[in-house]
N, C-alpha and C. Protein backbone atom coordinates (compact mmCIF):
# COMPACT_ATOMS: atom_id res chain seq x y z
N MET A 1 -8.58 -24.36 23.19
CA MET A 1 -7.63 -25.20 22.32
C MET A 1 -6.24 -24.86 22.69
N LEU A 2 -5.96 -23.53 22.85
CA LEU A 2 -4.56 -23.08 23.28
C LEU A 2 -4.01 -23.84 24.51
N ASN A 3 -4.89 -24.01 25.46
CA ASN A 3 -4.49 -24.63 26.74
C ASN A 3 -4.11 -26.09 26.51
N GLU A 4 -4.92 -26.69 25.58
CA GLU A 4 -4.66 -28.10 25.30
C GLU A 4 -3.34 -28.31 24.67
N PHE A 5 -3.00 -27.40 23.62
CA PHE A 5 -1.71 -27.52 23.05
C PHE A 5 -0.57 -27.25 24.01
N MET A 6 -0.76 -26.56 25.05
CA MET A 6 0.32 -26.17 25.94
C MET A 6 0.55 -27.22 27.16
N LYS A 7 -0.33 -28.28 27.18
CA LYS A 7 -0.23 -29.24 28.18
C LYS A 7 0.75 -30.19 27.82
N SER A 8 2.07 -29.85 27.95
CA SER A 8 3.16 -30.60 27.54
C SER A 8 3.96 -31.16 28.85
N SER A 9 4.70 -32.23 28.67
CA SER A 9 5.45 -32.74 29.85
C SER A 9 6.59 -31.85 30.18
N ASP A 10 6.88 -31.66 31.39
CA ASP A 10 7.90 -30.72 31.99
C ASP A 10 9.31 -31.25 31.49
N ASN A 11 9.32 -32.52 31.07
CA ASN A 11 10.52 -33.11 30.77
C ASN A 11 10.99 -32.86 29.33
N LEU A 12 10.04 -32.43 28.47
CA LEU A 12 10.31 -32.11 27.10
C LEU A 12 11.08 -30.78 26.99
N PRO A 13 11.91 -30.53 25.94
CA PRO A 13 12.74 -29.31 25.89
C PRO A 13 11.79 -28.14 25.84
N ARG A 14 12.36 -27.02 26.48
CA ARG A 14 11.51 -25.85 26.55
C ARG A 14 11.73 -25.08 25.21
N SER A 15 10.68 -24.35 24.90
CA SER A 15 10.59 -23.47 23.61
C SER A 15 10.40 -22.02 24.17
N THR A 16 11.04 -21.03 23.51
CA THR A 16 10.90 -19.74 23.73
C THR A 16 10.66 -18.86 22.44
N LEU A 17 9.61 -18.17 22.43
CA LEU A 17 9.32 -17.32 21.13
C LEU A 17 9.79 -15.90 21.54
N THR A 18 10.57 -15.35 20.64
CA THR A 18 10.93 -13.93 20.73
C THR A 18 10.38 -13.19 19.51
N VAL A 19 9.99 -11.88 19.68
CA VAL A 19 9.33 -11.17 18.64
C VAL A 19 10.20 -9.89 18.38
N THR A 20 10.64 -9.62 17.20
CA THR A 20 11.39 -8.41 16.96
C THR A 20 10.82 -7.70 15.71
N PRO A 21 10.69 -6.44 15.61
CA PRO A 21 11.20 -5.54 16.70
C PRO A 21 10.23 -5.64 17.89
N ASP A 22 10.63 -4.89 18.90
CA ASP A 22 9.68 -4.88 20.18
C ASP A 22 8.29 -4.40 19.77
N SER A 23 7.31 -4.88 20.56
CA SER A 23 5.91 -4.53 20.43
C SER A 23 5.83 -3.19 21.18
N PRO A 24 5.02 -2.19 20.60
CA PRO A 24 4.20 -2.38 19.36
C PRO A 24 5.04 -2.19 18.19
N VAL A 25 4.57 -2.88 17.08
CA VAL A 25 5.15 -2.67 15.73
C VAL A 25 4.28 -1.77 14.96
N PHE A 26 4.71 -1.21 13.91
CA PHE A 26 3.96 -0.28 13.05
C PHE A 26 3.54 -0.96 11.74
N THR A 27 2.35 -0.54 11.16
CA THR A 27 1.89 -1.09 9.98
C THR A 27 2.94 -0.84 8.96
N GLY A 28 3.23 -1.98 8.05
CA GLY A 28 4.26 -1.96 7.15
C GLY A 28 5.58 -2.56 7.46
N GLU A 29 5.79 -2.61 8.79
CA GLU A 29 7.05 -3.19 9.24
C GLU A 29 7.07 -4.73 9.07
N THR A 30 8.33 -5.18 9.04
CA THR A 30 8.59 -6.74 8.97
C THR A 30 8.79 -7.11 10.49
N VAL A 31 8.05 -8.21 10.89
CA VAL A 31 8.01 -8.81 12.22
C VAL A 31 8.63 -10.15 12.06
N ASN A 32 9.61 -10.41 13.00
CA ASN A 32 10.32 -11.74 13.10
C ASN A 32 9.89 -12.49 14.28
N LEU A 33 9.40 -13.73 14.22
CA LEU A 33 9.05 -14.54 15.30
C LEU A 33 10.05 -15.69 15.34
N LYS A 34 10.91 -15.73 16.23
CA LYS A 34 12.01 -16.64 16.45
C LYS A 34 11.68 -17.67 17.47
N CYS A 35 11.76 -18.97 17.15
CA CYS A 35 11.47 -20.00 18.03
C CYS A 35 12.73 -20.70 18.49
N VAL A 36 13.16 -20.51 19.76
CA VAL A 36 14.36 -21.09 20.35
C VAL A 36 13.97 -22.22 21.19
N ILE A 37 14.58 -23.49 20.86
CA ILE A 37 14.36 -24.63 21.62
C ILE A 37 15.74 -25.08 22.24
N GLU A 38 15.68 -25.33 23.52
CA GLU A 38 16.89 -25.27 24.36
C GLU A 38 17.83 -26.41 24.08
N SER A 39 17.42 -27.52 23.52
CA SER A 39 18.28 -28.62 23.34
C SER A 39 17.89 -29.52 22.10
N TYR A 40 18.72 -30.59 21.75
CA TYR A 40 18.51 -31.34 20.66
C TYR A 40 18.67 -30.56 19.35
N SER A 41 18.36 -31.25 18.26
CA SER A 41 18.58 -30.64 16.94
C SER A 41 17.59 -31.20 15.95
N ASN A 42 17.69 -30.75 14.67
CA ASN A 42 16.73 -31.15 13.65
C ASN A 42 15.34 -30.98 13.95
N TRP A 43 14.99 -29.82 14.41
CA TRP A 43 13.63 -29.43 14.71
C TRP A 43 12.90 -28.97 13.56
N ARG A 44 11.64 -29.25 13.43
CA ARG A 44 10.65 -28.57 12.47
C ARG A 44 9.97 -27.68 13.24
N TYR A 45 9.99 -26.37 13.01
CA TYR A 45 9.40 -25.35 13.81
C TYR A 45 7.86 -25.19 13.43
N GLU A 46 7.04 -24.89 14.33
CA GLU A 46 5.65 -24.49 14.10
C GLU A 46 5.29 -23.23 14.85
N TRP A 47 4.53 -22.38 14.17
CA TRP A 47 4.15 -21.17 14.80
C TRP A 47 2.57 -21.09 14.84
N TYR A 48 2.03 -20.58 15.95
CA TYR A 48 0.52 -20.56 16.05
C TYR A 48 -0.02 -19.21 16.40
N LYS A 49 -1.03 -18.86 15.96
CA LYS A 49 -1.72 -17.51 16.23
C LYS A 49 -3.09 -17.71 16.87
N GLY A 50 -3.27 -16.82 17.95
CA GLY A 50 -4.70 -16.67 18.35
C GLY A 50 -5.09 -17.72 19.36
N THR A 51 -6.24 -17.44 19.94
CA THR A 51 -6.84 -18.46 20.97
C THR A 51 -7.24 -19.72 20.28
N ASP A 52 -7.48 -19.67 18.95
CA ASP A 52 -7.86 -20.91 18.25
C ASP A 52 -6.69 -21.69 17.76
N SER A 53 -5.39 -21.09 18.00
CA SER A 53 -4.18 -21.74 17.63
C SER A 53 -4.19 -22.19 16.23
N VAL A 54 -4.32 -21.24 15.35
CA VAL A 54 -4.15 -21.47 13.92
C VAL A 54 -2.67 -21.53 13.60
N MET A 55 -2.29 -22.65 12.91
CA MET A 55 -0.98 -22.87 12.61
C MET A 55 -0.60 -22.02 11.24
N LEU A 56 0.49 -21.15 11.32
CA LEU A 56 0.75 -20.25 10.28
C LEU A 56 1.64 -21.08 9.18
N GLN A 57 1.24 -20.85 7.99
CA GLN A 57 1.81 -21.52 6.82
C GLN A 57 2.64 -20.54 6.04
N ALA A 58 3.71 -21.04 5.35
CA ALA A 58 4.46 -20.05 4.55
C ALA A 58 3.55 -19.58 3.33
N SER A 59 3.69 -18.35 3.05
CA SER A 59 2.92 -17.71 2.01
C SER A 59 3.65 -16.43 1.53
N GLU A 60 2.94 -15.68 0.74
CA GLU A 60 3.52 -14.41 0.31
C GLU A 60 3.87 -13.48 1.46
N ARG A 61 3.08 -13.51 2.52
CA ARG A 61 3.41 -12.62 3.72
C ARG A 61 4.15 -13.34 4.81
N TYR A 62 4.03 -14.66 4.97
CA TYR A 62 4.82 -15.36 5.85
C TYR A 62 5.98 -16.16 5.18
N THR A 63 7.18 -15.84 5.64
CA THR A 63 8.34 -16.61 5.05
C THR A 63 9.08 -17.15 6.26
N VAL A 64 9.61 -18.35 6.07
CA VAL A 64 10.19 -19.13 7.08
C VAL A 64 11.70 -19.31 6.71
N ASN A 65 12.62 -18.99 7.61
CA ASN A 65 14.02 -19.39 7.61
C ASN A 65 14.47 -20.13 8.84
N ARG A 66 14.45 -21.42 8.78
CA ARG A 66 14.81 -22.29 9.87
C ARG A 66 13.88 -22.00 11.05
N ASP A 67 14.46 -21.32 12.10
CA ASP A 67 13.76 -21.08 13.30
C ASP A 67 12.99 -19.79 13.41
N THR A 68 12.94 -19.06 12.29
CA THR A 68 12.27 -17.69 12.21
C THR A 68 11.26 -17.61 11.17
N LEU A 69 10.06 -17.15 11.64
CA LEU A 69 8.93 -16.90 10.67
C LEU A 69 8.92 -15.32 10.64
N SER A 70 8.82 -14.77 9.36
CA SER A 70 8.71 -13.36 9.19
C SER A 70 7.44 -12.93 8.54
N ILE A 71 6.79 -11.94 9.31
CA ILE A 71 5.62 -11.50 8.66
C ILE A 71 5.95 -10.13 7.99
N ARG A 72 5.75 -10.09 6.76
CA ARG A 72 6.13 -8.87 5.85
C ARG A 72 4.90 -7.96 5.78
N GLY A 73 5.12 -6.65 5.98
CA GLY A 73 4.15 -5.77 5.85
C GLY A 73 2.97 -5.96 6.89
N ALA A 74 3.30 -5.78 8.19
CA ALA A 74 2.40 -5.90 9.23
C ALA A 74 1.10 -5.11 9.03
N THR A 75 0.04 -5.64 9.35
CA THR A 75 -1.30 -4.97 9.43
C THR A 75 -1.93 -5.13 10.80
N GLU A 76 -2.99 -4.37 10.93
CA GLU A 76 -3.70 -4.43 12.32
C GLU A 76 -4.36 -5.97 12.44
N SER A 77 -4.57 -6.58 11.27
CA SER A 77 -5.02 -8.02 11.45
C SER A 77 -3.99 -8.96 12.03
N ASP A 78 -2.68 -8.56 12.16
CA ASP A 78 -1.68 -9.38 12.71
C ASP A 78 -1.62 -9.29 14.17
N GLN A 79 -2.35 -8.30 14.69
CA GLN A 79 -2.35 -8.09 16.22
C GLN A 79 -3.04 -9.33 16.83
N ASP A 80 -2.20 -10.00 17.68
CA ASP A 80 -2.77 -11.20 18.35
C ASP A 80 -1.74 -11.75 19.19
N GLN A 81 -2.03 -13.02 19.75
CA GLN A 81 -1.10 -13.76 20.63
C GLN A 81 -0.44 -14.74 19.59
N TYR A 82 0.85 -15.06 19.87
CA TYR A 82 1.55 -16.08 19.02
C TYR A 82 2.41 -16.99 20.02
N TRP A 83 2.48 -18.25 19.62
CA TRP A 83 3.36 -19.22 20.32
C TRP A 83 3.91 -20.12 19.35
N CYS A 84 4.84 -20.91 19.75
CA CYS A 84 5.60 -21.88 18.87
C CYS A 84 5.97 -23.16 19.61
N ARG A 85 6.30 -24.12 18.83
CA ARG A 85 6.94 -25.40 19.39
C ARG A 85 7.61 -26.13 18.26
N GLY A 86 8.31 -27.21 18.66
CA GLY A 86 9.06 -27.84 17.56
C GLY A 86 8.64 -29.38 17.50
N GLN A 87 8.84 -29.92 16.30
CA GLN A 87 8.60 -31.41 16.10
C GLN A 87 9.83 -31.89 15.46
N ARG A 88 10.14 -33.24 15.69
CA ARG A 88 11.26 -33.96 15.12
C ARG A 88 11.09 -35.43 15.09
N ASP A 89 11.91 -36.05 14.09
CA ASP A 89 11.70 -37.49 13.96
C ASP A 89 12.17 -38.45 15.04
N GLY A 90 13.23 -38.03 15.67
CA GLY A 90 13.77 -38.82 16.90
C GLY A 90 13.14 -38.50 18.16
N ARG A 91 13.54 -39.04 19.25
CA ARG A 91 13.03 -38.74 20.55
C ARG A 91 13.99 -37.68 21.12
N PRO A 92 13.35 -36.66 21.82
CA PRO A 92 11.90 -36.53 21.85
C PRO A 92 11.23 -35.96 20.55
N LYS A 93 10.07 -36.33 20.35
CA LYS A 93 9.38 -36.02 19.14
C LYS A 93 8.88 -34.56 19.00
N SER A 94 8.77 -33.95 20.27
CA SER A 94 8.33 -32.54 20.25
C SER A 94 8.94 -31.87 21.40
N SER A 95 8.80 -30.50 21.30
CA SER A 95 9.24 -29.69 22.41
C SER A 95 8.08 -29.32 23.26
N GLN A 96 8.27 -28.65 24.38
CA GLN A 96 7.07 -27.96 24.99
C GLN A 96 6.66 -26.79 24.12
N SER A 97 5.41 -26.37 24.32
CA SER A 97 4.93 -25.15 23.68
C SER A 97 5.45 -24.03 24.31
N SER A 98 5.82 -22.99 23.62
CA SER A 98 6.28 -21.76 24.20
C SER A 98 5.21 -20.97 24.93
N SER A 99 5.55 -20.16 25.85
CA SER A 99 4.47 -19.18 26.33
C SER A 99 4.08 -18.21 25.24
N ALA A 100 2.78 -17.83 25.32
CA ALA A 100 2.22 -16.85 24.26
C ALA A 100 2.88 -15.51 24.39
N VAL A 101 3.10 -14.91 23.26
CA VAL A 101 3.57 -13.57 23.31
C VAL A 101 2.60 -12.67 22.40
N SER A 102 2.35 -11.55 23.10
CA SER A 102 1.25 -10.62 22.43
C SER A 102 1.96 -9.76 21.46
N LEU A 103 1.38 -9.56 20.35
CA LEU A 103 1.90 -8.58 19.38
C LEU A 103 0.88 -7.51 19.10
N THR A 104 1.34 -6.33 19.32
CA THR A 104 0.48 -5.14 19.08
C THR A 104 1.00 -4.34 17.73
N VAL A 105 -0.04 -4.04 16.91
CA VAL A 105 0.27 -3.30 15.66
C VAL A 105 -0.48 -1.98 15.69
N LYS A 106 0.35 -0.95 15.43
CA LYS A 106 -0.24 0.46 15.51
C LYS A 106 -0.09 1.09 14.11
N ASP A 107 -1.03 1.99 13.78
CA ASP A 107 -0.86 2.75 12.57
C ASP A 107 0.33 3.68 12.67
N LEU A 108 0.94 4.08 11.56
CA LEU A 108 1.92 5.00 11.49
C LEU A 108 1.33 6.34 11.84
N PRO A 109 2.16 7.27 12.32
CA PRO A 109 1.68 8.57 12.67
C PRO A 109 1.03 9.25 11.50
N ARG A 110 0.05 9.93 11.63
CA ARG A 110 -0.73 10.62 10.60
C ARG A 110 -0.06 12.02 10.18
N SER A 111 -0.02 12.32 9.01
CA SER A 111 0.56 13.73 8.49
C SER A 111 -0.62 14.46 7.94
N THR A 112 -0.55 15.76 8.11
CA THR A 112 -1.42 16.78 7.62
C THR A 112 -0.64 17.85 6.79
N LEU A 113 -1.07 18.17 5.58
CA LEU A 113 -0.48 19.24 4.88
C LEU A 113 -1.52 20.48 4.81
N THR A 114 -0.93 21.56 5.22
CA THR A 114 -1.68 22.79 5.16
C THR A 114 -1.04 23.78 4.19
N VAL A 115 -1.90 24.55 3.47
CA VAL A 115 -1.36 25.42 2.40
C VAL A 115 -1.85 26.82 2.78
N THR A 116 -0.88 27.75 2.80
CA THR A 116 -1.28 29.19 3.03
C THR A 116 -0.55 29.99 1.98
N PRO A 117 -1.21 31.14 1.49
CA PRO A 117 -2.57 31.46 1.83
C PRO A 117 -3.61 30.44 1.23
N ASP A 118 -4.73 30.64 1.52
CA ASP A 118 -5.90 29.79 1.05
C ASP A 118 -5.90 29.76 -0.45
N SER A 119 -6.18 28.67 -1.06
CA SER A 119 -6.32 28.50 -2.49
C SER A 119 -7.64 29.19 -2.87
N PRO A 120 -7.77 29.95 -4.03
CA PRO A 120 -6.65 30.09 -5.02
C PRO A 120 -5.66 31.17 -4.57
N VAL A 121 -4.35 30.96 -4.94
CA VAL A 121 -3.38 32.01 -4.89
C VAL A 121 -3.24 32.57 -6.28
N PHE A 122 -2.49 33.70 -6.24
CA PHE A 122 -2.33 34.52 -7.53
C PHE A 122 -0.79 34.42 -7.93
N THR A 123 -0.65 34.53 -9.12
CA THR A 123 0.86 34.50 -9.64
C THR A 123 1.59 35.56 -8.89
N GLY A 124 2.80 35.12 -8.61
CA GLY A 124 3.79 36.05 -7.97
C GLY A 124 3.65 35.98 -6.41
N GLU A 125 2.68 35.38 -5.84
CA GLU A 125 2.57 35.19 -4.38
C GLU A 125 3.48 34.16 -3.89
N THR A 126 3.73 34.13 -2.63
CA THR A 126 4.56 33.19 -1.87
C THR A 126 3.50 32.16 -1.20
N VAL A 127 3.79 30.90 -1.45
CA VAL A 127 2.92 29.90 -0.92
C VAL A 127 3.74 28.99 0.08
N ASN A 128 3.07 28.75 1.22
CA ASN A 128 3.74 27.87 2.24
C ASN A 128 3.01 26.51 2.32
N LEU A 129 3.78 25.44 2.24
CA LEU A 129 3.23 24.07 2.44
C LEU A 129 3.85 23.55 3.74
N LYS A 130 2.97 23.44 4.77
CA LYS A 130 3.49 23.05 6.10
C LYS A 130 2.96 21.57 6.26
N CYS A 131 3.95 20.75 6.75
CA CYS A 131 3.63 19.27 6.99
C CYS A 131 3.66 19.10 8.47
N VAL A 132 2.53 18.67 9.05
CA VAL A 132 2.39 18.47 10.45
C VAL A 132 2.20 16.97 10.73
N ILE A 133 3.02 16.43 11.54
CA ILE A 133 2.97 14.98 11.81
C ILE A 133 2.67 14.89 13.34
N GLU A 134 1.73 14.01 13.68
CA GLU A 134 1.00 14.13 14.89
C GLU A 134 1.90 13.68 16.18
N SER A 135 2.96 12.97 15.92
CA SER A 135 3.65 12.37 17.17
C SER A 135 5.09 12.09 16.78
N TYR A 136 5.89 11.84 17.68
CA TYR A 136 7.36 11.51 17.60
C TYR A 136 8.09 12.89 17.14
N SER A 137 9.38 12.79 16.92
CA SER A 137 10.21 13.88 16.55
C SER A 137 11.23 13.51 15.69
N ASN A 138 12.13 14.55 15.36
CA ASN A 138 13.28 14.34 14.47
C ASN A 138 12.86 13.83 13.11
N TRP A 139 11.81 14.46 12.57
CA TRP A 139 11.35 13.92 11.26
C TRP A 139 12.14 14.76 10.15
N ARG A 140 12.32 14.02 9.05
CA ARG A 140 12.76 14.75 7.75
C ARG A 140 11.65 14.75 6.86
N TYR A 141 11.21 15.93 6.49
CA TYR A 141 9.93 16.15 5.88
C TYR A 141 10.17 16.03 4.30
N GLU A 142 9.26 15.42 3.55
CA GLU A 142 9.19 15.34 2.15
C GLU A 142 7.98 15.94 1.55
N TRP A 143 8.01 16.65 0.47
CA TRP A 143 6.84 17.11 -0.13
C TRP A 143 6.76 16.54 -1.57
N TYR A 144 5.57 16.24 -2.06
CA TYR A 144 5.39 15.61 -3.37
C TYR A 144 4.36 16.40 -4.15
N LYS A 145 4.46 16.30 -5.46
CA LYS A 145 3.63 17.18 -6.33
C LYS A 145 3.03 16.25 -7.48
N GLY A 146 1.74 16.41 -7.79
CA GLY A 146 1.21 15.72 -8.92
C GLY A 146 0.91 14.27 -8.72
N THR A 147 0.26 13.77 -9.86
CA THR A 147 -0.09 12.32 -9.79
C THR A 147 1.07 11.48 -9.97
N ASP A 148 2.23 11.98 -10.55
CA ASP A 148 3.44 11.25 -10.54
C ASP A 148 4.23 11.20 -9.28
N SER A 149 3.79 12.05 -8.31
CA SER A 149 4.43 12.10 -7.00
C SER A 149 5.86 12.44 -7.15
N VAL A 150 6.23 13.58 -7.83
CA VAL A 150 7.56 14.12 -7.87
C VAL A 150 7.95 14.74 -6.59
N MET A 151 9.02 14.31 -6.02
CA MET A 151 9.52 14.86 -4.84
C MET A 151 10.09 16.26 -4.99
N LEU A 152 9.65 17.23 -4.32
CA LEU A 152 10.16 18.59 -4.51
C LEU A 152 11.53 18.79 -3.83
N GLN A 153 12.51 19.40 -4.45
CA GLN A 153 13.88 19.62 -3.84
C GLN A 153 14.10 21.02 -3.70
N ALA A 154 14.83 21.37 -2.67
CA ALA A 154 15.19 22.86 -2.40
C ALA A 154 15.90 23.36 -3.64
N SER A 155 15.51 24.57 -4.01
CA SER A 155 16.01 25.33 -5.18
C SER A 155 15.88 26.81 -5.02
N GLU A 156 16.09 27.58 -6.05
CA GLU A 156 15.86 28.91 -6.10
C GLU A 156 14.44 29.35 -5.75
N ARG A 157 13.52 28.52 -6.18
CA ARG A 157 12.08 28.73 -5.97
C ARG A 157 11.46 28.02 -4.69
N TYR A 158 12.07 26.92 -4.42
CA TYR A 158 11.65 26.11 -3.23
C TYR A 158 12.62 26.28 -2.14
N THR A 159 12.19 26.76 -1.09
CA THR A 159 13.01 26.79 0.14
C THR A 159 12.37 26.04 1.25
N VAL A 160 13.20 25.41 2.14
CA VAL A 160 12.72 24.60 3.26
C VAL A 160 13.22 25.08 4.57
N ASN A 161 12.16 25.17 5.40
CA ASN A 161 12.54 25.56 6.84
C ASN A 161 11.80 24.66 7.78
N ARG A 162 12.59 23.53 8.13
CA ARG A 162 12.05 22.47 8.97
C ARG A 162 10.79 21.82 8.27
N ASP A 163 9.60 22.11 8.85
CA ASP A 163 8.41 21.44 8.39
C ASP A 163 7.65 22.15 7.35
N THR A 164 8.23 23.30 6.76
CA THR A 164 7.59 24.11 5.81
C THR A 164 8.33 24.26 4.52
N LEU A 165 7.81 23.96 3.44
CA LEU A 165 8.33 24.32 2.05
C LEU A 165 7.75 25.48 1.50
N THR A 166 8.44 26.51 1.02
CA THR A 166 7.94 27.62 0.59
C THR A 166 8.16 27.81 -0.93
N ILE A 167 7.15 28.05 -1.75
CA ILE A 167 7.25 28.32 -3.15
C ILE A 167 7.13 29.88 -3.35
N ARG A 168 8.33 30.35 -3.86
CA ARG A 168 8.41 31.86 -4.10
C ARG A 168 8.00 32.15 -5.57
N GLY A 169 7.15 33.16 -5.64
CA GLY A 169 6.72 33.66 -7.03
C GLY A 169 5.92 32.57 -7.70
N ALA A 170 4.79 32.33 -7.14
CA ALA A 170 3.86 31.13 -7.66
C ALA A 170 3.46 31.51 -9.12
N THR A 171 3.61 30.45 -9.97
CA THR A 171 3.16 30.56 -11.39
C THR A 171 2.09 29.59 -11.63
N GLU A 172 1.47 29.52 -12.82
CA GLU A 172 0.32 28.60 -13.08
C GLU A 172 0.86 27.31 -13.18
N SER A 173 2.17 27.00 -13.39
CA SER A 173 2.75 25.79 -13.44
C SER A 173 2.75 25.07 -12.06
N ASP A 174 2.64 25.82 -11.06
CA ASP A 174 2.55 25.36 -9.64
C ASP A 174 1.13 24.77 -9.28
N GLN A 175 0.23 25.02 -10.20
CA GLN A 175 -1.23 24.57 -9.93
C GLN A 175 -1.23 22.99 -10.04
N ASP A 176 -1.48 22.34 -8.86
CA ASP A 176 -1.47 20.92 -8.91
C ASP A 176 -1.87 20.37 -7.57
N GLN A 177 -1.77 19.20 -7.28
CA GLN A 177 -1.92 18.52 -6.01
C GLN A 177 -0.73 18.34 -5.29
N TYR A 178 -0.66 18.52 -3.95
CA TYR A 178 0.55 18.28 -3.17
C TYR A 178 0.27 17.42 -1.94
N TRP A 179 1.18 16.67 -1.48
CA TRP A 179 1.08 15.82 -0.23
C TRP A 179 2.47 15.80 0.34
N CYS A 180 2.49 15.27 1.55
CA CYS A 180 3.79 15.22 2.36
C CYS A 180 3.73 13.99 3.19
N ARG A 181 4.95 13.72 3.68
CA ARG A 181 5.16 12.67 4.56
C ARG A 181 6.53 12.88 5.41
N GLY A 182 6.78 12.13 6.39
CA GLY A 182 8.03 12.21 7.18
C GLY A 182 8.82 10.99 7.13
N GLN A 183 10.16 11.11 7.23
CA GLN A 183 10.98 9.94 7.41
C GLN A 183 11.96 10.21 8.63
N ARG A 184 12.37 9.13 9.34
CA ARG A 184 13.17 9.31 10.52
C ARG A 184 14.10 8.11 10.66
N ASP A 185 15.21 8.22 11.50
CA ASP A 185 16.06 7.20 11.72
C ASP A 185 15.57 6.14 12.69
N GLY A 186 14.78 6.49 13.75
CA GLY A 186 14.21 5.57 14.65
C GLY A 186 12.96 5.05 14.25
N ARG A 187 12.33 4.25 15.09
CA ARG A 187 11.08 3.58 14.82
C ARG A 187 9.96 4.58 15.42
N PRO A 188 8.88 4.83 14.67
CA PRO A 188 8.66 4.40 13.36
C PRO A 188 9.54 5.17 12.25
N LYS A 189 9.87 4.54 11.26
CA LYS A 189 10.80 5.00 10.25
C LYS A 189 10.02 6.14 9.33
N SER A 190 8.74 6.02 9.25
CA SER A 190 8.06 7.01 8.40
C SER A 190 6.61 7.23 8.92
N SER A 191 6.04 8.31 8.50
CA SER A 191 4.79 8.65 8.82
C SER A 191 3.81 8.06 7.68
N GLN A 192 2.49 8.21 7.93
CA GLN A 192 1.51 8.03 6.82
C GLN A 192 1.73 9.27 5.85
N SER A 193 1.25 8.94 4.62
CA SER A 193 1.27 10.16 3.68
C SER A 193 -0.02 10.93 3.95
N SER A 194 0.14 12.21 3.85
CA SER A 194 -0.90 13.17 4.06
C SER A 194 -1.97 13.03 2.92
N SER A 195 -3.14 13.42 3.19
CA SER A 195 -4.10 13.55 2.01
C SER A 195 -3.61 14.65 1.17
N ALA A 196 -4.01 14.40 -0.14
CA ALA A 196 -3.56 15.46 -1.10
C ALA A 196 -4.34 16.75 -1.12
N VAL A 197 -3.64 17.92 -1.24
CA VAL A 197 -4.26 19.22 -1.14
C VAL A 197 -4.08 19.86 -2.55
N SER A 198 -5.17 20.39 -3.03
CA SER A 198 -5.15 21.05 -4.41
C SER A 198 -4.80 22.47 -4.24
N LEU A 199 -3.84 22.95 -5.13
CA LEU A 199 -3.41 24.32 -5.20
C LEU A 199 -3.84 24.96 -6.49
N THR A 200 -4.61 25.93 -6.44
CA THR A 200 -5.05 26.66 -7.63
C THR A 200 -4.39 27.94 -7.70
N VAL A 201 -3.80 28.22 -8.95
CA VAL A 201 -3.10 29.42 -9.13
C VAL A 201 -3.75 30.19 -10.23
N LYS A 202 -4.11 31.48 -10.01
CA LYS A 202 -4.77 32.44 -10.94
C LYS A 202 -3.82 33.47 -11.36
N GLY A 203 -4.14 33.93 -12.65
CA GLY A 203 -3.33 35.01 -13.05
C GLY A 203 -3.60 36.31 -12.33
N GLU A 204 -2.76 37.28 -12.47
CA GLU A 204 -2.98 38.62 -11.69
C GLU A 204 -4.31 39.24 -12.23
N LEU A 205 -4.84 39.91 -11.40
CA LEU A 205 -6.13 40.63 -11.78
C LEU A 205 -5.68 41.92 -12.52
N ASN A 206 -6.33 42.10 -13.65
CA ASN A 206 -6.05 43.28 -14.48
C ASN A 206 -7.17 44.16 -14.41
N ILE A 207 -6.85 45.45 -14.08
CA ILE A 207 -7.87 46.44 -13.81
C ILE A 207 -7.73 47.45 -15.05
N ILE A 208 -8.74 47.54 -15.84
CA ILE A 208 -8.68 48.43 -17.09
C ILE A 208 -9.50 49.64 -16.67
N VAL A 209 -8.83 50.77 -16.81
CA VAL A 209 -9.56 52.06 -16.48
C VAL A 209 -9.90 52.70 -17.84
N LEU A 210 -11.08 52.96 -18.14
CA LEU A 210 -11.46 53.73 -19.31
C LEU A 210 -11.64 55.23 -19.09
N LEU A 211 -10.94 56.03 -19.75
CA LEU A 211 -11.01 57.41 -19.53
C LEU A 211 -11.89 58.05 -20.58
N ASN A 212 -12.94 58.69 -20.19
CA ASN A 212 -13.79 59.38 -21.17
C ASN A 212 -13.07 60.65 -21.73
N SER A 213 -13.22 60.73 -23.00
CA SER A 213 -12.65 61.96 -23.61
C SER A 213 -13.45 63.17 -23.16
N VAL A 214 -12.70 64.07 -22.97
CA VAL A 214 -13.32 65.49 -22.51
C VAL A 214 -13.86 66.18 -23.70
């Protein structure tokens, strides 16, 4: 069906589809499909997806602003080929169909949180939360605590050294779930959130020595 759509007269205005950002895009990003037609005006733009040439319609995920269709929150199901063309009331009534452009969608880099020493830890111990992200560089690391996902900030008790947050003098109030993720200026702008890791904090062991009376 795609080939049938693209059998247009060479005399019709040419269409070009551009995709930003450059492929591959990452899950969650916004993708813009811009259809540029070389001449004439008052075009109604159409965008098509896949070898079955399914025409994309405006929806919660697909928004249209004149010559640009935006896909919000890209997922792996958006990975496919796309092309566009224009229709108008006057002559010429249509443009040529653009060449197909492939869109590749990748998962964000995975994050892993490791806690040392192994849980349970004891009150007064130092606990290290290390956030490991599988690829790319220049990450700004973030650590979160609890079901409310409170972001931990550097303080007298919390110190940060690159990918590791250190809790000094653990108390029972530190017992909770923790997770991490990364942010950066380039693409991808963030990592996936790590799985949550539970930290158990126990009181100090009390040793009672009974002295027998002589």
